[in-house]
C-alpha atoms as a PDB file:
ATOM      1  CA  MET A   1     -29.104 -38.989  41.033  1.00  0.00           C
ATOM      2  CA  ALA A   2     -29.364 -36.159  38.549  1.00  0.00           C
ATOM      3  CA  THR A   3     -26.329 -35.410  36.504  1.00  0.00           C
ATOM      4  CA  THR A   4     -25.159 -31.922  35.652  1.00  0.00           C
ATOM      5  CA  ARG A   5     -24.380 -31.304  32.008  1.00  0.00           C
ATOM      6  CA  ARG A   6     -21.096 -29.530  31.532  1.00  0.00           C
ATOM      7  CA  SER A   7     -21.026 -26.530  29.277  1.00  0.00           C
ATOM      8  CA  LYS A   8     -19.221 -27.120  26.042  1.00  0.00           C
ATOM      9  CA  SER A   9     -15.668 -25.854  26.267  1.00  0.00           C
ATOM     10  CA  PRO A  10     -14.555 -23.359  23.613  1.00  0.00           C
ATOM     11  CA  ALA A  11     -12.633 -24.745  20.681  1.00  0.00           C
ATOM     12  CA  LYS A  12      -8.906 -24.603  21.206  1.00  0.00           C
ATOM     13  CA  PRO A  13      -6.922 -22.528  18.727  1.00  0.00           C
ATOM     14  CA  ARG A  14      -5.310 -24.590  16.010  1.00  0.00           C
ATOM     15  CA  ARG A  15      -1.568 -25.057  16.350  1.00  0.00           C
ATOM     16  CA  ALA A  16       0.751 -24.112  13.512  1.00  0.00           C
ATOM     17  CA  ALA A  17       0.989 -27.759  12.469  1.00  0.00           C
ATOM     18  CA  GLU A  18      -2.785 -27.763  11.963  1.00  0.00           C
ATOM     19  CA  LEU A  19      -2.622 -24.764   9.630  1.00  0.00           C
ATOM     20  CA  GLN A  20      -1.001 -26.721   6.809  1.00  0.00           C
ATOM     21  CA  GLY A  21      -2.617 -27.678   3.520  1.00  0.00           C
ATOM     22  CA  THR A  22      -3.385 -26.059   0.210  1.00  0.00           C
ATOM     23  CA  VAL A  23      -3.866 -22.320  -0.033  1.00  0.00           C
ATOM     24  CA  ALA A  24      -7.627 -22.816  -0.311  1.00  0.00           C
ATOM     25  CA  GLU A  25      -7.658 -25.024   2.779  1.00  0.00           C
ATOM     26  CA  ARG A  26      -5.618 -22.529   4.775  1.00  0.00           C
ATOM     27  CA  VAL A  27      -7.914 -19.687   3.737  1.00  0.00           C
ATOM     28  CA  ALA A  28     -10.910 -21.731   4.880  1.00  0.00           C
ATOM     29  CA  ILE A  29      -9.230 -22.418   8.234  1.00  0.00           C
ATOM     30  CA  ALA A  30      -8.315 -18.752   8.671  1.00  0.00           C
ATOM     31  CA  LEU A  31     -11.854 -17.542   7.894  1.00  0.00           C
ATOM     32  CA  ALA A  32     -13.329 -20.129  10.250  1.00  0.00           C
ATOM     33  CA  GLU A  33     -11.044 -18.964  13.050  1.00  0.00           C
ATOM     34  CA  LEU A  34     -11.819 -15.324  12.358  1.00  0.00           C
ATOM     35  CA  GLU A  35     -15.536 -16.089  12.476  1.00  0.00           C
ATOM     36  CA  ARG A  36     -15.153 -17.887  15.819  1.00  0.00           C
ATOM     37  CA  ALA A  37     -13.127 -14.976  17.189  1.00  0.00           C
ATOM     38  CA  GLY A  38     -15.694 -12.428  16.058  1.00  0.00           C
ATOM     39  CA  ASN A  39     -17.209 -10.238  18.730  1.00  0.00           C
ATOM     40  CA  PRO A  40     -20.571  -8.532  18.083  1.00  0.00           C
ATOM     41  CA  LYS A  41     -19.595  -5.548  20.245  1.00  0.00           C
ATOM     42  CA  THR A  42     -16.323  -5.058  18.366  1.00  0.00           C
ATOM     43  CA  LEU A  43     -18.216  -5.301  15.088  1.00  0.00           C
ATOM     44  CA  ALA A  44     -20.808  -2.780  16.245  1.00  0.00           C
ATOM     45  CA  ASP A  45     -18.034  -0.346  17.216  1.00  0.00           C
ATOM     46  CA  TYR A  46     -16.309  -0.374  13.830  1.00  0.00           C
ATOM     47  CA  GLY A  47     -18.392   2.399  12.336  1.00  0.00           C
ATOM     48  CA  PRO A  48     -19.590   4.713  15.112  1.00  0.00           C
ATOM     49  CA  ARG A  49     -16.530   4.436  17.353  1.00  0.00           C
ATOM     50  CA  TYR A  50     -13.621   3.913  14.962  1.00  0.00           C
ATOM     51  CA  GLY A  51     -14.922   5.269  11.662  1.00  0.00           C
ATOM     52  CA  ILE A  52     -14.233   1.997   9.853  1.00  0.00           C
ATOM     53  CA  ALA A  53     -16.691   1.576   7.009  1.00  0.00           C
ATOM     54  CA  THR A  54     -17.024  -2.083   6.065  1.00  0.00           C
ATOM     55  CA  THR A  55     -19.935  -4.363   5.262  1.00  0.00           C
ATOM     56  CA  LYS A  56     -18.064  -7.673   5.335  1.00  0.00           C
ATOM     57  CA  ALA A  57     -16.488  -8.183   8.757  1.00  0.00           C
ATOM     58  CA  PHE A  58     -16.544 -10.479  11.792  1.00  0.00           C
ATOM     59  CA  GLY A  59     -15.544  -8.028  14.543  1.00  0.00           C
ATOM     60  CA  VAL A  60     -12.198  -9.566  15.534  1.00  0.00           C
ATOM     61  CA  PRO A  61      -9.939  -7.699  17.988  1.00  0.00           C
ATOM     62  CA  MET A  62      -6.543  -6.807  16.529  1.00  0.00           C
ATOM     63  CA  GLY A  63      -4.699  -8.934  19.053  1.00  0.00           C
ATOM     64  CA  ARG A  64      -6.459 -12.059  17.780  1.00  0.00           C
ATOM     65  CA  ILE A  65      -5.552 -11.124  14.203  1.00  0.00           C
ATOM     66  CA  HIS A  66      -1.878 -10.772  15.166  1.00  0.00           C
ATOM     67  CA  ALA A  67      -1.946 -14.151  16.923  1.00  0.00           C
ATOM     68  CA  LEU A  68      -3.498 -15.869  13.912  1.00  0.00           C
ATOM     69  CA  ALA A  69      -0.987 -14.224  11.568  1.00  0.00           C
ATOM     70  CA  LYS A  70       1.913 -15.631  13.582  1.00  0.00           C
ATOM     71  CA  ARG A  71       0.495 -19.119  13.291  1.00  0.00           C
ATOM     72  CA  LEU A  72      -0.181 -18.793   9.574  1.00  0.00           C
ATOM     73  CA  GLY A  73       3.361 -17.604   8.874  1.00  0.00           C
ATOM     74  CA  ARG A  74       4.621 -15.800   5.790  1.00  0.00           C
ATOM     75  CA  ASP A  75       3.097 -17.083   2.566  1.00  0.00           C
ATOM     76  CA  HIS A  76       2.673 -14.752  -0.390  1.00  0.00           C
ATOM     77  CA  ALA A  77       0.133 -16.901  -2.209  1.00  0.00           C
ATOM     78  CA  LEU A  78      -1.923 -17.120   0.974  1.00  0.00           C
ATOM     79  CA  ALA A  79      -1.783 -13.316   1.356  1.00  0.00           C
ATOM     80  CA  HIS A  80      -3.270 -12.883  -2.123  1.00  0.00           C
ATOM     81  CA  ALA A  81      -5.979 -15.426  -1.436  1.00  0.00           C
ATOM     82  CA  LEU A  82      -6.896 -13.795   1.878  1.00  0.00           C
ATOM     83  CA  TRP A  83      -7.181 -10.417   0.167  1.00  0.00           C
ATOM     84  CA  LYS A  84      -9.475 -11.807  -2.516  1.00  0.00           C
ATOM     85  CA  THR A  85     -12.014 -12.995   0.081  1.00  0.00           C
ATOM     86  CA  GLY A  86     -12.984  -9.364   0.671  1.00  0.00           C
ATOM     87  CA  TRP A  87     -13.374  -9.915   4.431  1.00  0.00           C
ATOM     88  CA  TYR A  88     -12.092  -6.955   6.436  1.00  0.00           C
ATOM     89  CA  GLU A  89     -10.076  -9.018   8.916  1.00  0.00           C
ATOM     90  CA  ALA A  90      -8.683 -11.256   6.169  1.00  0.00           C
ATOM     91  CA  ARG A  91      -7.392  -8.153   4.413  1.00  0.00           C
ATOM     92  CA  LEU A  92      -5.716  -7.020   7.626  1.00  0.00           C
ATOM     93  CA  LEU A  93      -4.060 -10.448   7.794  1.00  0.00           C
ATOM     94  CA  THR A  94      -2.599  -9.815   4.345  1.00  0.00           C
ATOM     95  CA  ALA A  95      -0.211  -7.246   5.828  1.00  0.00           C
ATOM     96  CA  PHE A  96       1.278  -9.809   8.224  1.00  0.00           C
ATOM     97  CA  VAL A  97       1.267 -12.848   5.916  1.00  0.00           C
ATOM     98  CA  ALA A  98       2.661 -11.335   2.688  1.00  0.00           C
ATOM     99  CA  GLU A  99       6.384 -11.734   2.015  1.00  0.00           C
ATOM    100  CA  LYS A 100       7.803  -8.222   1.755  1.00  0.00           C
ATOM    101  CA  GLU A 101      10.655  -9.254  -0.555  1.00  0.00           C
ATOM    102  CA  ARG A 102       8.115 -10.578  -3.075  1.00  0.00           C
ATOM    103  CA  VAL A 103       5.817  -7.544  -3.087  1.00  0.00           C
ATOM    104  CA  THR A 104       5.881  -5.696  -6.415  1.00  0.00           C
ATOM    105  CA  PRO A 105       4.755  -2.147  -7.273  1.00  0.00           C
ATOM    106  CA  ALA A 106       1.921  -3.627  -9.347  1.00  0.00           C
ATOM    107  CA  GLU A 107       0.684  -5.612  -6.331  1.00  0.00           C
ATOM    108  CA  MET A 108       0.876  -2.535  -4.138  1.00  0.00           C
ATOM    109  CA  ASP A 109      -1.163  -0.590  -6.673  1.00  0.00           C
ATOM    110  CA  ARG A 110      -3.730  -3.378  -6.981  1.00  0.00           C
ATOM    111  CA  TRP A 111      -4.232  -3.705  -3.234  1.00  0.00           C
ATOM    112  CA  THR A 112      -4.381   0.066  -2.811  1.00  0.00           C
ATOM    113  CA  ARG A 113      -7.179   0.325  -5.361  1.00  0.00           C
ATOM    114  CA  GLY A 114      -9.162  -1.946  -3.043  1.00  0.00           C
ATOM    115  CA  PHE A 115      -8.810   0.277   0.024  1.00  0.00           C
ATOM    116  CA  ASP A 116     -12.244   1.258   1.312  1.00  0.00           C
ATOM    117  CA  ASN A 117     -11.424   2.311   4.873  1.00  0.00           C
ATOM    118  CA  TRP A 118      -8.538   3.859   6.768  1.00  0.00           C
ATOM    119  CA  ALA A 119      -7.753   0.768   8.866  1.00  0.00           C
ATOM    120  CA  VAL A 120      -6.899  -1.535   5.956  1.00  0.00           C
ATOM    121  CA  CYS A 121      -5.001   1.318   4.289  1.00  0.00           C
ATOM    122  CA  ASP A 122      -2.899   2.109   7.350  1.00  0.00           C
ATOM    123  CA  THR A 123      -2.281  -1.514   8.321  1.00  0.00           C
ATOM    124  CA  LEU A 124      -0.807  -2.415   4.935  1.00  0.00           C
ATOM    125  CA  CYS A 125       1.245   0.789   4.784  1.00  0.00           C
ATOM    126  CA  PHE A 126       2.495   0.524   8.377  1.00  0.00           C
ATOM    127  CA  HIS A 127       3.256  -3.216   8.479  1.00  0.00           C
ATOM    128  CA  LEU A 128       4.127  -4.157   4.895  1.00  0.00           C
ATOM    129  CA  PHE A 129       4.482  -1.506   2.199  1.00  0.00           C
ATOM    130  CA  ASP A 130       7.080   0.559   4.054  1.00  0.00           C
ATOM    131  CA  ARG A 131       9.327  -2.535   4.238  1.00  0.00           C
ATOM    132  CA  THR A 132       9.604  -2.737   0.437  1.00  0.00           C
ATOM    133  CA  PRO A 133      12.150  -0.956  -1.796  1.00  0.00           C
ATOM    134  CA  HIS A 134       9.255   0.497  -3.812  1.00  0.00           C
ATOM    135  CA  ALA A 135       7.855   2.635  -1.010  1.00  0.00           C
ATOM    136  CA  PHE A 136       8.996   6.128  -2.010  1.00  0.00           C
ATOM    137  CA  GLY A 137       7.947   5.519  -5.604  1.00  0.00           C
ATOM    138  CA  ARG A 138       4.459   4.585  -4.449  1.00  0.00           C
ATOM    139  CA  VAL A 139       4.233   7.711  -2.269  1.00  0.00           C
ATOM    140  CA  ALA A 140       4.811   9.859  -5.365  1.00  0.00           C
ATOM    141  CA  ALA A 141       2.370   7.824  -7.469  1.00  0.00           C
ATOM    142  CA  TRP A 142      -0.452   7.632  -4.961  1.00  0.00           C
ATOM    143  CA  ALA A 143      -0.243  11.315  -4.018  1.00  0.00           C
ATOM    144  CA  LYS A 144      -1.725  11.975  -7.478  1.00  0.00           C
ATOM    145  CA  ARG A 145      -4.693   9.666  -6.938  1.00  0.00           C
ATOM    146  CA  SER A 146      -8.174  11.122  -6.606  1.00  0.00           C
ATOM    147  CA  LYS A 147      -9.918   8.500  -4.440  1.00  0.00           C
ATOM    148  CA  GLU A 148      -9.786   9.279  -0.734  1.00  0.00           C
ATOM    149  CA  PHE A 149      -8.162   6.130   0.633  1.00  0.00           C
ATOM    150  CA  GLU A 150      -5.770   5.730  -2.291  1.00  0.00           C
ATOM    151  CA  LYS A 151      -4.540   9.279  -1.722  1.00  0.00           C
ATOM    152  CA  ARG A 152      -4.410   8.667   2.021  1.00  0.00           C
ATOM    153  CA  ALA A 153      -2.173   5.681   1.304  1.00  0.00           C
ATOM    154  CA  ALA A 154       0.520   8.000  -0.074  1.00  0.00           C
ATOM    155  CA  PHE A 155       0.847   9.877   3.202  1.00  0.00           C
ATOM    156  CA  ALA A 156       0.154   6.942   5.508  1.00  0.00           C
ATOM    157  CA  LEU A 157       3.058   5.235   3.751  1.00  0.00           C
ATOM    158  CA  LEU A 158       5.224   8.348   4.046  1.00  0.00           C
ATOM    159  CA  ALA A 159       4.443   8.565   7.774  1.00  0.00           C
ATOM    160  CA  SER A 160       5.285   4.870   8.162  1.00  0.00           C
ATOM    161  CA  LEU A 161       8.614   5.350   6.383  1.00  0.00           C
ATOM    162  CA  ALA A 162       9.408   8.330   8.595  1.00  0.00           C
ATOM    163  CA  LEU A 163       8.796   6.261  11.713  1.00  0.00           C
ATOM    164  CA  HIS A 164      10.347   2.932  10.674  1.00  0.00           C
ATOM    165  CA  ASP A 165      13.143   3.592   8.180  1.00  0.00           C
ATOM    166  CA  LYS A 166      16.309   3.870  10.241  1.00  0.00           C
ATOM    167  CA  GLU A 167      18.844   4.334   7.425  1.00  0.00           C
ATOM    168  CA  THR A 168      17.515   6.617   4.661  1.00  0.00           C
ATOM    169  CA  ASP A 169      18.876  10.153   4.734  1.00  0.00           C
ATOM    170  CA  ASP A 170      16.801  13.336   4.569  1.00  0.00           C
ATOM    171  CA  ALA A 171      16.804  13.811   0.782  1.00  0.00           C
ATOM    172  CA  PRO A 172      13.919  11.469  -0.197  1.00  0.00           C
ATOM    173  CA  PHE A 173      11.775  12.887   2.596  1.00  0.00           C
ATOM    174  CA  LEU A 174      12.518  16.481   1.617  1.00  0.00           C
ATOM    175  CA  ARG A 175      11.449  15.649  -1.945  1.00  0.00           C
ATOM    176  CA  CYS A 176       8.074  14.581  -0.567  1.00  0.00           C
ATOM    177  CA  LEU A 177       7.309  17.929   1.068  1.00  0.00           C
ATOM    178  CA  PRO A 178       5.822  19.467  -2.115  1.00  0.00           C
ATOM    179  CA  LEU A 179       3.526  16.450  -2.385  1.00  0.00           C
ATOM    180  CA  ALA A 180       2.299  17.076   1.156  1.00  0.00           C
ATOM    181  CA  GLU A 181       1.852  20.794   0.487  1.00  0.00           C
ATOM    182  CA  ARG A 182      -0.269  20.138  -2.613  1.00  0.00           C
ATOM    183  CA  ALA A 183      -2.400  17.565  -0.799  1.00  0.00           C
ATOM    184  CA  ALA A 184      -2.962  19.848   2.184  1.00  0.00           C
ATOM    185  CA  ALA A 185      -5.796  21.630   0.388  1.00  0.00           C
ATOM    186  CA  ASP A 186      -7.802  18.400   0.193  1.00  0.00           C
ATOM    187  CA  GLU A 187     -10.830  18.809   2.452  1.00  0.00           C
ATOM    188  CA  ARG A 188     -11.478  15.097   2.933  1.00  0.00           C
ATOM    189  CA  ASN A 189     -10.991  14.004   6.516  1.00  0.00           C
ATOM    190  CA  PHE A 190      -8.845  10.929   5.940  1.00  0.00           C
ATOM    191  CA  VAL A 191      -6.559  12.730   3.505  1.00  0.00           C
ATOM    192  CA  LYS A 192      -5.865  15.786   5.640  1.00  0.00           C
ATOM    193  CA  LYS A 193      -5.213  13.633   8.715  1.00  0.00           C
ATOM    194  CA  SER A 194      -2.711  11.522   6.790  1.00  0.00           C
ATOM    195  CA  VAL A 195      -0.872  14.623   5.546  1.00  0.00           C
ATOM    196  CA  SER A 196      -0.567  15.841   9.127  1.00  0.00           C
ATOM    197  CA  TRP A 197       0.642  12.407  10.229  1.00  0.00           C
ATOM    198  CA  ALA A 198       3.320  12.375   7.529  1.00  0.00           C
ATOM    199  CA  LEU A 199       4.606  15.863   8.354  1.00  0.00           C
ATOM    200  CA  ARG A 200       4.699  15.142  12.072  1.00  0.00           C
ATOM    201  CA  GLY A 201       6.526  11.879  11.430  1.00  0.00           C
ATOM    202  CA  MET A 202       9.116  13.428   9.131  1.00  0.00           C
ATOM    203  CA  GLY A 203       9.686  16.245  11.597  1.00  0.00           C
ATOM    204  CA  THR A 204      11.029  13.773  14.161  1.00  0.00           C
ATOM    205  CA  ARG A 205      13.792  12.378  11.909  1.00  0.00           C
ATOM    206  CA  SER A 206      16.401  15.164  11.981  1.00  0.00           C
ATOM    207  CA  ARG A 207      16.935  18.837  12.720  1.00  0.00           C
ATOM    208  CA  ALA A 208      16.789  19.691   9.018  1.00  0.00           C
ATOM    209  CA  LEU A 209      13.512  17.850   8.501  1.00  0.00           C
ATOM    210  CA  HIS A 210      12.121  19.323  11.703  1.00  0.00           C
ATOM    211  CA  ALA A 211      12.920  22.807  10.410  1.00  0.00           C
ATOM    212  CA  ALA A 212      11.522  22.110   6.932  1.00  0.00           C
ATOM    213  CA  CYS A 213       8.289  20.577   8.221  1.00  0.00           C
ATOM    214  CA  THR A 214       7.857  23.384  10.735  1.00  0.00           C
ATOM    215  CA  ALA A 215       8.315  26.020   8.018  1.00  0.00           C
ATOM    216  CA  LEU A 216       5.730  24.305   5.812  1.00  0.00           C
ATOM    217  CA  ALA A 217       3.320  23.997   8.731  1.00  0.00           C
ATOM    218  CA  GLU A 218       3.700  27.708   9.502  1.00  0.00           C
ATOM    219  CA  ARG A 219       2.764  28.572   5.916  1.00  0.00           C
ATOM    220  CA  LEU A 220      -0.215  26.251   6.018  1.00  0.00           C
ATOM    221  CA  ALA A 221      -1.386  27.638   9.351  1.00  0.00           C
ATOM    222  CA  GLU A 222      -1.686  31.093   7.730  1.00  0.00           C
ATOM    223  CA  SER A 223      -3.612  29.788   4.724  1.00  0.00           C
ATOM    224  CA  ASP A 224      -7.043  31.007   3.674  1.00  0.00           C
ATOM    225  CA  THR A 225      -8.305  27.431   3.272  1.00  0.00           C
ATOM    226  CA  THR A 226      -9.676  25.444   6.205  1.00  0.00           C
ATOM    227  CA  PRO A 227      -7.898  22.106   5.648  1.00  0.00           C
ATOM    228  CA  GLU A 228      -4.513  23.763   5.214  1.00  0.00           C
ATOM    229  CA  ARG A 229      -4.965  25.805   8.398  1.00  0.00           C
ATOM    230  CA  TRP A 230      -6.050  22.688  10.297  1.00  0.00           C
ATOM    231  CA  ILE A 231      -3.017  20.703   9.127  1.00  0.00           C
ATOM    232  CA  GLY A 232      -0.618  23.544   9.821  1.00  0.00           C
ATOM    233  CA  LYS A 233      -1.825  24.070  13.369  1.00  0.00           C
ATOM    234  CA  ASP A 234      -1.989  20.345  14.086  1.00  0.00           C
ATOM    235  CA  VAL A 235       1.599  19.841  12.929  1.00  0.00           C
ATOM    236  CA  LEU A 236       2.899  22.876  14.797  1.00  0.00           C
ATOM    237  CA  ARG A 237       1.316  21.745  18.069  1.00  0.00           C
ATOM    238  CA  ASP A 238       3.330  18.555  17.834  1.00  0.00           C
ATOM    239  CA  LEU A 239       6.623  19.746  16.346  1.00  0.00           C
ATOM    240  CA  ASN A 240       6.956  22.695  18.723  1.00  0.00           C
ATOM    241  CA  ARG A 241       7.053  20.407  21.744  1.00  0.00           C
ATOM    242  CA  PRO A 242      10.587  20.279  23.261  1.00  0.00           C
ATOM    243  CA  LEU A 243      10.410  16.484  23.451  1.00  0.00           C
ATOM    244  CA  VAL A 244       9.851  16.228  19.685  1.00  0.00           C
ATOM    245  CA  LYS A 245      12.819  18.475  18.942  1.00  0.00           C
ATOM    246  CA  GLN A 246      14.998  16.352  21.200  1.00  0.00           C
ATOM    247  CA  ARG A 247      13.786  13.200  19.476  1.00  0.00           C
ATOM    248  CA  ALA A 248      14.719  14.624  16.059  1.00  0.00           C
ATOM    249  CA  GLU A 249      18.231  15.395  17.258  1.00  0.00           C
ATOM    250  CA  LYS A 250      18.586  11.961  18.831  1.00  0.00           C
ATOM    251  CA  ARG A 251      17.462  10.121  15.703  1.00  0.00           C
ATOM    252  CA  GLU A 252      19.842  12.216  13.591  1.00  0.00           C
ATOM    253  CA  ARG A 253      22.759  11.289  15.856  1.00  0.00           C
ATOM    254  CA  ARG A 254      21.860   7.601  15.669  1.00  0.00           C
ATOM    255  CA  ARG A 255      21.854   7.622  11.875  1.00  0.00           C
ATOM    256  CA  GLY A 256      25.142   9.473  11.844  1.00  0.00           C
ATOM    257  CA  ALA A 257      26.686   6.901  14.166  1.00  0.00           C
END
């Protein structure tokens, strides 16, 4: 009687207990899991669909990266080692594995100099850098940078602070408005979009910030330069919505309470 060969079952994900070992061993395990989770279609979509320029990637969906990060846990040395591999998904993991209380301004600067696409930039700003006490200082420093993704980092971080910081008052955000106004003339796509993101985010924090960001957007919308007009109109479309105004008032009341 002929026997039917069963198809080989997929490897089960390693449990947290299996992710122990030296930093080098854990990096090897993480890269092996990322490679197994890679999807050729996801990889093919990085450039044409999402505008993610990278030459060293597996094509791992973000959900799988989050799941692996939870199992790896927080480990600052591991975060550094993952970053050094240069793999796109390993660098995304850095944001979820690094220990925010151990991040220094020098580390933030070093990682930012390695940004070569918007996804790594935004992931580190949105999930790690904005949790550090150095965030506003880095916004001011990076806004002066010339490279596209380093300059984007300033405003991606500012947008992240506007969305996540529940306690800071308006003053530090108001001090960032001149930085946004100066950067608004930058024609590069990923810079102008980050400036818009930051202004729209700040405009939802309070009535005063809503008014200040709206006034700046109105000036930009009347500018003679294309990127400034684009940013101004993009911000005004969002901030003039009644729901956004209500959200600003609500967030202001919460902080006051």
